[in-house]
Amino acid sequence: MAQAARAGAQARGGSPDDSWGGVSPDAARRLLVAAVEAFAERGFHATTTRDIAGRAGMSPAALYIHYRTKEELLYHISRVGHDRSVRLLSEAAEATGPYRERLAGAVRTFVRWHAEHHTTARVVQYELSALGEEHYAEIVGLRRRSEKVMRDLVAAGAEAGEFAVDDPRATALAVLSLCIDVARWYSPGRRTPEEIGAFYADLALRMVGAAPR
């Protein structure tokens, strides 16, 4: 089954998503992968638990052994994805070197992940409103942490004289919005995820008034 999931991802032009490597048992992981595919293809509300279980090669009743509801599946997907976002951005922002290199590294890595794993990222970024109230509040908190990392990075670069921005908060949100939107439109084509990441990194540097690398 794991080999089938990898083959499916490669057939759709994406690389196998390693986001679920820490999920156990295997049945719970298979259900998460199946839910990602179903939500990305059909949307959360149009997807049924039967759809998800069928993609995982399981009976609908088996799903409830691991997840109480369809919404709980979405929450787990969202949590893993947003934790990954915070980690990727934080690691780049906390690196040594000029702020322009930190910003370029943060954008390059963030964009590359959204392109490489566009199916997962699409669910993580665009199905947020389907979460229940408590889960929604938790995920929004993680999104705000990502925003703060980027905002603090832009502000620090401006204070150091490397960036020319009047509003670090608005600039940071604009940069993040561009990065996230890659998941909406990306499909394998002429440009690789690495090339798109590099292009967006240069674009972000232009947005903050720093010369491209």
Foldseek 3Di string as FASTA:
>chain_A
DVVVLQVVCVVQPAGRDCLCVPDDDPLLSLLLSLLLQCCLVPNLVRDDLCSSQVSSVHHSVVNCVNPVDSLRSLLVLLVSVLVVLLVLLQVLLPDDDALLRSLLSSQLVLLLVCQNPLSSLCSNPPNLVVHDPVSSVVSVVSVVSSLVSQLVSLVVNVVVVQFADDHSSVLSVVLVVVSSCCSVDHGDDDDHSNRVSLVSSCVSCVSRPHHGD
